[in-house]
Amino acid sequence: MSGRVRRTGRVRDVYPGDEECAVMVDATVLVLSPLAGALVELVGEDGWVPVPTVATGLVERFGAPPDGDALGGTLAALHELAEQGVVEVADGSPRGT
């Protein structure tokens, strides 16, 4: 399953920029690449979003990845953001965990 994603409650603020984006997680400000910033924007703040929806948004903005695996690349990038406390990735179970 591809799962779902949402911002964590640890995200205090998002600072969009032209090239990079910054996000405040707890008391730490992280500067994100354009791709990671787009991920944060696509996830939004309104709850769970299907990962395929996020992957589609990335392809629309940046084009298809060279290996053609937009979903796999999106999941990998989301897991990196999850390690930083920016997002939470769920496996697709009904309760979101």
PDB file of N, CA and C in Angstrom:
ATOM      1  N   MET A   1       0.831  -1.199   0.000  1.00  0.00           N
ATOM      2  CA  MET A   1       0.000   0.000   0.000  1.00  0.00           C
ATOM      3  C   MET A   1       0.866   1.248   0.000  1.00  0.00           C
ATOM      4  N   SER A   2       0.343   2.305  -0.522  1.00  0.00           N
ATOM      5  CA  SER A   2       1.120   3.530  -0.595  1.00  0.00           C
ATOM      6  C   SER A   2       0.957   4.414   0.632  1.00  0.00           C
ATOM      7  N   GLY A   3      -0.133   4.308   1.348  1.00  0.00           N
ATOM      8  CA  GLY A   3      -0.294   5.026   2.605  1.00  0.00           C
ATOM      9  C   GLY A   3      -0.765   6.455   2.468  1.00  0.00           C
ATOM     10  N   ARG A   4      -0.675   7.113   3.618  1.00  0.00           N
ATOM     11  CA  ARG A   4      -1.108   8.502   3.741  1.00  0.00           C
ATOM     12  C   ARG A   4      -0.055   9.267   4.528  1.00  0.00           C
ATOM     13  N   VAL A   5      -0.145  10.581   4.467  1.00  0.00           N
ATOM     14  CA  VAL A   5       0.833  11.430   5.138  1.00  0.00           C
ATOM     15  C   VAL A   5       0.127  12.660   5.699  1.00  0.00           C
ATOM     16  N   ARG A   6       0.666  13.183   6.798  1.00  0.00           N
ATOM     17  CA  ARG A   6       0.173  14.446   7.353  1.00  0.00           C
ATOM     18  C   ARG A   6       1.325  15.138   8.066  1.00  0.00           C
ATOM     19  N   ARG A   7       1.178  16.454   8.258  1.00  0.00           N
ATOM     20  CA  ARG A   7       2.157  17.185   9.054  1.00  0.00           C
ATOM     21  C   ARG A   7       2.013  16.765  10.509  1.00  0.00           C
ATOM     22  N   THR A   8       3.119  16.768  11.212  1.00  0.00           N
ATOM     23  CA  THR A   8       3.052  16.457  12.642  1.00  0.00           C
ATOM     24  C   THR A   8       2.627  17.692  13.415  1.00  0.00           C
ATOM     25  N   GLY A   9       2.203  17.468  14.635  1.00  0.00           N
ATOM     26  CA  GLY A   9       1.863  18.574  15.515  1.00  0.00           C
ATOM     27  C   GLY A   9       3.092  19.344  15.977  1.00  0.00           C
ATOM     28  N   ARG A  10       4.265  18.828  15.667  1.00  0.00           N
ATOM     29  CA  ARG A  10       5.520  19.492  16.043  1.00  0.00           C
ATOM     30  C   ARG A  10       5.862  20.653  15.124  1.00  0.00           C
ATOM     31  N   VAL A  11       5.209  20.736  13.950  1.00  0.00           N
ATOM     32  CA  VAL A  11       5.474  21.821  13.003  1.00  0.00           C
ATOM     33  C   VAL A  11       4.797  23.080  13.532  1.00  0.00           C
ATOM     34  N   ARG A  12       5.622  24.073  13.847  1.00  0.00           N
ATOM     35  CA  ARG A  12       5.110  25.330  14.405  1.00  0.00           C
ATOM     36  C   ARG A  12       4.822  26.371  13.331  1.00  0.00           C
ATOM     37  N   ASP A  13       5.636  26.367  12.263  1.00  0.00           N
ATOM     38  CA  ASP A  13       5.436  27.347  11.202  1.00  0.00           C
ATOM     39  C   ASP A  13       6.166  26.895   9.949  1.00  0.00           C
ATOM     40  N   VAL A  14       5.704  27.389   8.803  1.00  0.00           N
ATOM     41  CA  VAL A  14       6.335  27.109   7.514  1.00  0.00           C
ATOM     42  C   VAL A  14       6.634  28.458   6.875  1.00  0.00           C
ATOM     43  N   TYR A  15       7.867  28.606   6.389  1.00  0.00           N
ATOM     44  CA  TYR A  15       8.315  29.841   5.769  1.00  0.00           C
ATOM     45  C   TYR A  15       8.639  29.567   4.305  1.00  0.00           C
ATOM     46  N   PRO A  16       7.680  29.773   3.395  1.00  0.00           N
ATOM     47  CA  PRO A  16       7.943  29.503   1.980  1.00  0.00           C
ATOM     48  C   PRO A  16       8.916  30.531   1.401  1.00  0.00           C
ATOM     49  N   GLY A  17       9.640  30.114   0.395  1.00  0.00           N
ATOM     50  CA  GLY A  17      10.569  31.003  -0.282  1.00  0.00           C
ATOM     51  C   GLY A  17      10.588  30.702  -1.769  1.00  0.00           C
ATOM     52  N   ASP A  18      11.319  31.505  -2.517  1.00  0.00           N
ATOM     53  CA  ASP A  18      11.392  31.307  -3.963  1.00  0.00           C
ATOM     54  C   ASP A  18      12.141  30.030  -4.323  1.00  0.00           C
ATOM     55  N   GLU A  19      13.266  29.796  -3.695  1.00  0.00           N
ATOM     56  CA  GLU A  19      14.094  28.621  -3.995  1.00  0.00           C
ATOM     57  C   GLU A  19      13.991  27.559  -2.909  1.00  0.00           C
ATOM     58  N   GLU A  20      14.099  28.000  -1.673  1.00  0.00           N
ATOM     59  CA  GLU A  20      14.065  27.070  -0.551  1.00  0.00           C
ATOM     60  C   GLU A  20      12.874  27.395   0.333  1.00  0.00           C
ATOM     61  N   CYS A  21      12.600  26.499   1.237  1.00  0.00           N
ATOM     62  CA  CYS A  21      11.521  26.650   2.202  1.00  0.00           C
ATOM     63  C   CYS A  21      12.121  26.346   3.565  1.00  0.00           C
ATOM     64  N   ALA A  22      11.626  26.985   4.596  1.00  0.00           N
ATOM     65  CA  ALA A  22      12.055  26.659   5.950  1.00  0.00           C
ATOM     66  C   ALA A  22      10.833  26.239   6.743  1.00  0.00           C
ATOM     67  N   VAL A  23      11.044  25.352   7.675  1.00  0.00           N
ATOM     68  CA  VAL A  23       9.966  24.884   8.525  1.00  0.00           C
ATOM     69  C   VAL A  23      10.483  24.844   9.958  1.00  0.00           C
ATOM     70  N   MET A  24       9.663  25.306  10.889  1.00  0.00           N
ATOM     71  CA  MET A  24      10.028  25.264  12.300  1.00  0.00           C
ATOM     72  C   MET A  24       9.396  24.033  12.919  1.00  0.00           C
ATOM     73  N   VAL A  25      10.249  23.133  13.406  1.00  0.00           N
ATOM     74  CA  VAL A  25       9.810  21.913  14.078  1.00  0.00           C
ATOM     75  C   VAL A  25      10.263  22.046  15.528  1.00  0.00           C
ATOM     76  N   ASP A  26       9.300  22.096  16.432  1.00  0.00           N
ATOM     77  CA  ASP A  26       9.582  22.403  17.833  1.00  0.00           C
ATOM     78  C   ASP A  26      10.330  23.738  17.865  1.00  0.00           C
ATOM     79  N   ALA A  27      11.578  23.763  18.339  1.00  0.00           N
ATOM     80  CA  ALA A  27      12.350  25.009  18.409  1.00  0.00           C
ATOM     81  C   ALA A  27      13.455  25.057  17.364  1.00  0.00           C
ATOM     82  N   THR A  28      13.413  24.142  16.373  1.00  0.00           N
ATOM     83  CA  THR A  28      14.456  24.054  15.359  1.00  0.00           C
ATOM     84  C   THR A  28      13.911  24.483  14.004  1.00  0.00           C
ATOM     85  N   VAL A  29      14.672  25.312  13.300  1.00  0.00           N
ATOM     86  CA  VAL A  29      14.292  25.711  11.948  1.00  0.00           C
ATOM     87  C   VAL A  29      15.108  24.881  10.966  1.00  0.00           C
ATOM     88  N   LEU A  30      14.412  24.200  10.063  1.00  0.00           N
ATOM     89  CA  LEU A  30      15.052  23.392   9.026  1.00  0.00           C
ATOM     90  C   LEU A  30      14.887  24.094   7.687  1.00  0.00           C
ATOM     91  N   VAL A  31      15.979  24.227   6.944  1.00  0.00           N
ATOM     92  CA  VAL A  31      15.913  24.768   5.586  1.00  0.00           C
ATOM     93  C   VAL A  31      15.789  23.580   4.646  1.00  0.00           C
ATOM     94  N   LEU A  32      14.749  23.602   3.819  1.00  0.00           N
ATOM     95  CA  LEU A  32      14.433  22.480   2.950  1.00  0.00           C
ATOM     96  C   LEU A  32      14.744  22.800   1.494  1.00  0.00           C
ATOM     97  N   SER A  33      15.054  21.765   0.755  1.00  0.00           N
ATOM     98  CA  SER A  33      15.255  21.895  -0.691  1.00  0.00           C
ATOM     99  C   SER A  33      13.924  22.262  -1.349  1.00  0.00           C
ATOM    100  N   PRO A  34      13.961  22.710  -2.596  1.00  0.00           N
ATOM    101  CA  PRO A  34      12.707  22.996  -3.292  1.00  0.00           C
ATOM    102  C   PRO A  34      11.763  21.787  -3.328  1.00  0.00           C
ATOM    103  N   LEU A  35      12.308  20.587  -3.518  1.00  0.00           N
ATOM    104  CA  LEU A  35      11.458  19.396  -3.553  1.00  0.00           C
ATOM    105  C   LEU A  35      10.833  19.132  -2.186  1.00  0.00           C
ATOM    106  N   ALA A  36      11.618  19.210  -1.122  1.00  0.00           N
ATOM    107  CA  ALA A  36      11.084  18.986   0.224  1.00  0.00           C
ATOM    108  C   ALA A  36      10.078  20.069   0.596  1.00  0.00           C
ATOM    109  N   GLY A  37      10.348  21.302   0.174  1.00  0.00           N
ATOM    110  CA  GLY A  37       9.393  22.379   0.420  1.00  0.00           C
ATOM    111  C   GLY A  37       8.072  22.127  -0.289  1.00  0.00           C
ATOM    112  N   ALA A  38       8.154  21.617  -1.521  1.00  0.00           N
ATOM    113  CA  ALA A  38       6.929  21.272  -2.252  1.00  0.00           C
ATOM    114  C   ALA A  38       6.174  20.162  -1.545  1.00  0.00           C
ATOM    115  N   LEU A  39       6.902  19.189  -0.998  1.00  0.00           N
ATOM    116  CA  LEU A  39       6.242  18.123  -0.243  1.00  0.00           C
ATOM    117  C   LEU A  39       5.460  18.692   0.938  1.00  0.00           C
ATOM    118  N   VAL A  40       6.090  19.579   1.686  1.00  0.00           N
ATOM    119  CA  VAL A  40       5.419  20.181   2.844  1.00  0.00           C
ATOM    120  C   VAL A  40       4.180  20.947   2.399  1.00  0.00           C
ATOM    121  N   GLU A  41       4.298  21.678   1.307  1.00  0.00           N
ATOM    122  CA  GLU A  41       3.154  22.424   0.793  1.00  0.00           C
ATOM    123  C   GLU A  41       2.039  21.482   0.332  1.00  0.00           C
ATOM    124  N   LEU A  42       2.398  20.426  -0.379  1.00  0.00           N
ATOM    125  CA  LEU A  42       1.394  19.487  -0.892  1.00  0.00           C
ATOM    126  C   LEU A  42       0.693  18.727   0.227  1.00  0.00           C
ATOM    127  N   VAL A  43       1.413  18.446   1.295  1.00  0.00           N
ATOM    128  CA  VAL A  43       0.791  17.753   2.431  1.00  0.00           C
ATOM    129  C   VAL A  43      -0.198  18.683   3.122  1.00  0.00           C
ATOM    130  N   GLY A  44       0.132  19.967   3.213  1.00  0.00           N
ATOM    131  CA  GLY A  44      -0.774  20.938   3.821  1.00  0.00           C
ATOM    132  C   GLY A  44      -0.954  20.711   5.304  1.00  0.00           C
ATOM    133  N   GLU A  45      -1.980  21.326   5.859  1.00  0.00           N
ATOM    134  CA  GLU A  45      -2.213  21.222   7.288  1.00  0.00           C
ATOM    135  C   GLU A  45      -3.588  20.672   7.612  1.00  0.00           C
ATOM    136  N   ASP A  46      -4.276  20.118   6.654  1.00  0.00           N
ATOM    137  CA  ASP A  46      -5.665  19.722   6.850  1.00  0.00           C
ATOM    138  C   ASP A  46      -5.870  18.249   7.157  1.00  0.00           C
ATOM    139  N   GLY A  47      -4.856  17.561   7.617  1.00  0.00           N
ATOM    140  CA  GLY A  47      -5.026  16.151   7.951  1.00  0.00           C
ATOM    141  C   GLY A  47      -4.365  15.243   6.939  1.00  0.00           C
ATOM    142  N   TRP A  48      -4.812  14.003   6.933  1.00  0.00           N
ATOM    143  CA  TRP A  48      -4.186  12.965   6.113  1.00  0.00           C
ATOM    144  C   TRP A  48      -4.411  13.184   4.629  1.00  0.00           C
ATOM    145  N   VAL A  49      -3.350  12.996   3.858  1.00  0.00           N
ATOM    146  CA  VAL A  49      -3.388  13.123   2.395  1.00  0.00           C
ATOM    147  C   VAL A  49      -2.841  11.820   1.814  1.00  0.00           C
ATOM    148  N   PRO A  50      -3.487  11.243   0.799  1.00  0.00           N
ATOM    149  CA  PRO A  50      -2.947  10.036   0.172  1.00  0.00           C
ATOM    150  C   PRO A  50      -1.588  10.323  -0.471  1.00  0.00           C
ATOM    151  N   VAL A  51      -0.632   9.435  -0.257  1.00  0.00           N
ATOM    152  CA  VAL A  51       0.696   9.607  -0.839  1.00  0.00           C
ATOM    153  C   VAL A  51       0.631   9.707  -2.367  1.00  0.00           C
ATOM    154  N   PRO A  52      -0.216   8.932  -3.074  1.00  0.00           N
ATOM    155  CA  PRO A  52      -0.287   9.096  -4.529  1.00  0.00           C
ATOM    156  C   PRO A  52      -0.686  10.521  -4.954  1.00  0.00           C
ATOM    157  N   THR A  53      -1.506  11.191  -4.161  1.00  0.00           N
ATOM    158  CA  THR A  53      -1.885  12.574  -4.453  1.00  0.00           C
ATOM    159  C   THR A  53      -0.663  13.486  -4.371  1.00  0.00           C
ATOM    160  N   VAL A  54       0.168  13.261  -3.349  1.00  0.00           N
ATOM    161  CA  VAL A  54       1.394  14.046  -3.194  1.00  0.00           C
ATOM    162  C   VAL A  54       2.350  13.755  -4.350  1.00  0.00           C
ATOM    163  N   ALA A  55       2.488  12.479  -4.711  1.00  0.00           N
ATOM    164  CA  ALA A  55       3.373  12.097  -5.819  1.00  0.00           C
ATOM    165  C   ALA A  55       2.929  12.753  -7.122  1.00  0.00           C
ATOM    166  N   THR A  56       1.638  12.792  -7.376  1.00  0.00           N
ATOM    167  CA  THR A  56       1.111  13.435  -8.580  1.00  0.00           C
ATOM    168  C   THR A  56       1.453  14.924  -8.591  1.00  0.00           C
ATOM    169  N   GLY A  57       1.322  15.562  -7.436  1.00  0.00           N
ATOM    170  CA  GLY A  57       1.665  16.981  -7.331  1.00  0.00           C
ATOM    171  C   GLY A  57       3.133  17.241  -7.619  1.00  0.00           C
ATOM    172  N   LEU A  58       4.006  16.350  -7.145  1.00  0.00           N
ATOM    173  CA  LEU A  58       5.435  16.504  -7.423  1.00  0.00           C
ATOM    174  C   LEU A  58       5.741  16.343  -8.909  1.00  0.00           C
ATOM    175  N   VAL A  59       5.107  15.367  -9.540  1.00  0.00           N
ATOM    176  CA  VAL A  59       5.321  15.153 -10.979  1.00  0.00           C
ATOM    177  C   VAL A  59       4.846  16.371 -11.765  1.00  0.00           C
ATOM    178  N   GLU A  60       3.728  16.970 -11.356  1.00  0.00           N
ATOM    179  CA  GLU A  60       3.233  18.160 -12.039  1.00  0.00           C
ATOM    180  C   GLU A  60       4.222  19.322 -11.931  1.00  0.00           C
ATOM    181  N   ARG A  61       4.897  19.433 -10.804  1.00  0.00           N
ATOM    182  CA  ARG A  61       5.830  20.548 -10.582  1.00  0.00           C
ATOM    183  C   ARG A  61       7.219  20.301 -11.142  1.00  0.00           C
ATOM    184  N   PHE A  62       7.718  19.068 -10.978  1.00  0.00           N
ATOM    185  CA  PHE A  62       9.118  18.788 -11.295  1.00  0.00           C
ATOM    186  C   PHE A  62       9.306  17.814 -12.459  1.00  0.00           C
ATOM    187  N   GLY A  63       8.225  17.220 -12.938  1.00  0.00           N
ATOM    188  CA  GLY A  63       8.331  16.206 -13.982  1.00  0.00           C
ATOM    189  C   GLY A  63       8.558  14.834 -13.371  1.00  0.00           C
ATOM    190  N   ALA A  64       8.472  13.823 -14.191  1.00  0.00           N
ATOM    191  CA  ALA A  64       8.654  12.444 -13.725  1.00  0.00           C
ATOM    192  C   ALA A  64      10.119  12.207 -13.368  1.00  0.00           C
ATOM    193  N   PRO A  65      10.371  11.407 -12.342  1.00  0.00           N
ATOM    194  CA  PRO A  65      11.759  11.095 -11.993  1.00  0.00           C
ATOM    195  C   PRO A  65      12.398  10.228 -13.082  1.00  0.00           C
ATOM    196  N   PRO A  66      13.736  10.254 -13.184  1.00  0.00           N
ATOM    197  CA  PRO A  66      14.418   9.486 -14.233  1.00  0.00           C
ATOM    198  C   PRO A  66      14.094   7.994 -14.211  1.00  0.00           C
ATOM    199  N   ASP A  67      13.891   7.451 -13.013  1.00  0.00           N
ATOM    200  CA  ASP A  67      13.600   6.016 -12.936  1.00  0.00           C
ATOM    201  C   ASP A  67      12.119   5.709 -13.134  1.00  0.00           C
ATOM    202  N   GLY A  68      11.285   6.753 -13.247  1.00  0.00           N
ATOM    203  CA  GLY A  68       9.862   6.555 -13.489  1.00  0.00           C
ATOM    204  C   GLY A  68       9.052   6.158 -12.273  1.00  0.00           C
ATOM    205  N   ASP A  69       9.676   6.043 -11.102  1.00  0.00           N
ATOM    206  CA  ASP A  69       8.977   5.610  -9.894  1.00  0.00           C
ATOM    207  C   ASP A  69       8.655   6.804  -9.000  1.00  0.00           C
ATOM    208  N   ALA A  70       7.670   7.580  -9.402  1.00  0.00           N
ATOM    209  CA  ALA A  70       7.291   8.773  -8.644  1.00  0.00           C
ATOM    210  C   ALA A  70       6.789   8.408  -7.257  1.00  0.00           C
ATOM    211  N   LEU A  71       6.016   7.351  -7.144  1.00  0.00           N
ATOM    212  CA  LEU A  71       5.470   6.962  -5.849  1.00  0.00           C
ATOM    213  C   LEU A  71       6.582   6.527  -4.894  1.00  0.00           C
ATOM    214  N   GLY A  72       7.501   5.704  -5.371  1.00  0.00           N
ATOM    215  CA  GLY A  72       8.608   5.246  -4.527  1.00  0.00           C
ATOM    216  C   GLY A  72       9.507   6.393  -4.101  1.00  0.00           C
ATOM    217  N   GLY A  73       9.802   7.300  -5.027  1.00  0.00           N
ATOM    218  CA  GLY A  73      10.626   8.458  -4.693  1.00  0.00           C
ATOM    219  C   GLY A  73       9.946   9.384  -3.703  1.00  0.00           C
ATOM    220  N   THR A  74       8.643   9.557  -3.870  1.00  0.00           N
ATOM    221  CA  THR A  74       7.880  10.398  -2.945  1.00  0.00           C
ATOM    222  C   THR A  74       7.898   9.791  -1.549  1.00  0.00           C
ATOM    223  N   LEU A  75       7.656   8.487  -1.474  1.00  0.00           N
ATOM    224  CA  LEU A  75       7.692   7.823  -0.164  1.00  0.00           C
ATOM    225  C   LEU A  75       9.057   7.948   0.499  1.00  0.00           C
ATOM    226  N   ALA A  76      10.118   7.790  -0.265  1.00  0.00           N
ATOM    227  CA  ALA A  76      11.467   7.913   0.295  1.00  0.00           C
ATOM    228  C   ALA A  76      11.685   9.318   0.850  1.00  0.00           C
ATOM    229  N   ALA A  77      11.286  10.328   0.093  1.00  0.00           N
ATOM    230  CA  ALA A  77      11.457  11.706   0.551  1.00  0.00           C
ATOM    231  C   ALA A  77      10.589  11.998   1.773  1.00  0.00           C
ATOM    232  N   LEU A  78       9.372  11.461   1.785  1.00  0.00           N
ATOM    233  CA  LEU A  78       8.500  11.660   2.944  1.00  0.00           C
ATOM    234  C   LEU A  78       9.073  10.996   4.189  1.00  0.00           C
ATOM    235  N   HIS A  79       9.681   9.839   4.032  1.00  0.00           N
ATOM    236  CA  HIS A  79      10.290   9.171   5.184  1.00  0.00           C
ATOM    237  C   HIS A  79      11.472   9.974   5.730  1.00  0.00           C
ATOM    238  N   GLU A  80      12.202  10.651   4.839  1.00  0.00           N
ATOM    239  CA  GLU A  80      13.290  11.524   5.307  1.00  0.00           C
ATOM    240  C   GLU A  80      12.721  12.697   6.102  1.00  0.00           C
ATOM    241  N   LEU A  81      11.625  13.285   5.635  1.00  0.00           N
ATOM    242  CA  LEU A  81      10.981  14.357   6.388  1.00  0.00           C
ATOM    243  C   LEU A  81      10.408  13.843   7.703  1.00  0.00           C
ATOM    244  N   ALA A  82       9.934  12.610   7.711  1.00  0.00           N
ATOM    245  CA  ALA A  82       9.407  12.019   8.942  1.00  0.00           C
ATOM    246  C   ALA A  82      10.512  11.875   9.989  1.00  0.00           C
ATOM    247  N   GLU A  83      11.719  11.533   9.558  1.00  0.00           N
ATOM    248  CA  GLU A  83      12.847  11.424  10.480  1.00  0.00           C
ATOM    249  C   GLU A  83      13.162  12.758  11.150  1.00  0.00           C
ATOM    250  N   GLN A  84      12.845  13.862  10.474  1.00  0.00           N
ATOM    251  CA  GLN A  84      13.074  15.201  11.019  1.00  0.00           C
ATOM    252  C   GLN A  84      11.875  15.716  11.821  1.00  0.00           C
ATOM    253  N   GLY A  85      10.789  14.932  11.890  1.00  0.00           N
ATOM    254  CA  GLY A  85       9.612  15.335  12.655  1.00  0.00           C
ATOM    255  C   GLY A  85       8.659  16.254  11.921  1.00  0.00           C
ATOM    256  N   VAL A  86       8.834  16.374  10.591  1.00  0.00           N
ATOM    257  CA  VAL A  86       7.992  17.283   9.811  1.00  0.00           C
ATOM    258  C   VAL A  86       6.663  16.630   9.452  1.00  0.00           C
ATOM    259  N   VAL A  87       6.698  15.378   9.043  1.00  0.00           N
ATOM    260  CA  VAL A  87       5.489  14.664   8.647  1.00  0.00           C
ATOM    261  C   VAL A  87       5.417  13.317   9.351  1.00  0.00           C
ATOM    262  N   GLU A  88       4.251  12.732   9.284  1.00  0.00           N
ATOM    263  CA  GLU A  88       4.007  11.378   9.772  1.00  0.00           C
ATOM    264  C   GLU A  88       3.458  10.584   8.593  1.00  0.00           C
ATOM    265  N   VAL A  89       4.050   9.434   8.329  1.00  0.00           N
ATOM    266  CA  VAL A  89       3.615   8.587   7.222  1.00  0.00           C
ATOM    267  C   VAL A  89       2.926   7.369   7.805  1.00  0.00           C
ATOM    268  N   ALA A  90       1.697   7.099   7.350  1.00  0.00           N
ATOM    269  CA  ALA A  90       0.932   5.946   7.810  1.00  0.00           C
ATOM    270  C   ALA A  90       0.909   4.890   6.710  1.00  0.00           C
ATOM    271  N   ASP A  91       0.772   3.660   7.107  1.00  0.00           N
ATOM    272  CA  ASP A  91       0.818   2.544   6.161  1.00  0.00           C
ATOM    273  C   ASP A  91      -0.489   2.295   5.432  1.00  0.00           C
ATOM    274  N   GLY A  92      -1.501   3.086   5.690  1.00  0.00           N
ATOM    275  CA  GLY A  92      -2.764   2.915   4.999  1.00  0.00           C
ATOM    276  C   GLY A  92      -3.813   2.181   5.800  1.00  0.00           C
ATOM    277  N   SER A  93      -3.526   1.848   7.048  1.00  0.00           N
ATOM    278  CA  SER A  93      -4.532   1.187   7.866  1.00  0.00           C
ATOM    279  C   SER A  93      -5.658   2.163   8.183  1.00  0.00           C
ATOM    280  N   PRO A  94      -6.835   1.687   8.522  1.00  0.00           N
ATOM    281  CA  PRO A  94      -7.991   2.564   8.728  1.00  0.00           C
ATOM    282  C   PRO A  94      -7.770   3.624   9.793  1.00  0.00           C
ATOM    283  N   ARG A  95      -6.980   3.356  10.810  1.00  0.00           N
ATOM    284  CA  ARG A  95      -6.761   4.315  11.887  1.00  0.00           C
ATOM    285  C   ARG A  95      -5.598   5.250  11.590  1.00  0.00           C
ATOM    286  N   GLY A  96      -4.883   5.032  10.488  1.00  0.00           N
ATOM    287  CA  GLY A  96      -3.795   5.911  10.112  1.00  0.00           C
ATOM    288  C   GLY A  96      -2.494   5.609  10.812  1.00  0.00           C
ATOM    289  N   THR A  97      -2.380   4.437  11.418  1.00  0.00           N
ATOM    290  CA  THR A  97      -1.119   4.084  12.094  1.00  0.00           C
ATOM    291  C   THR A  97      -0.619   2.769  11.605  1.00  0.00           C
TER     292      THR A  97
END
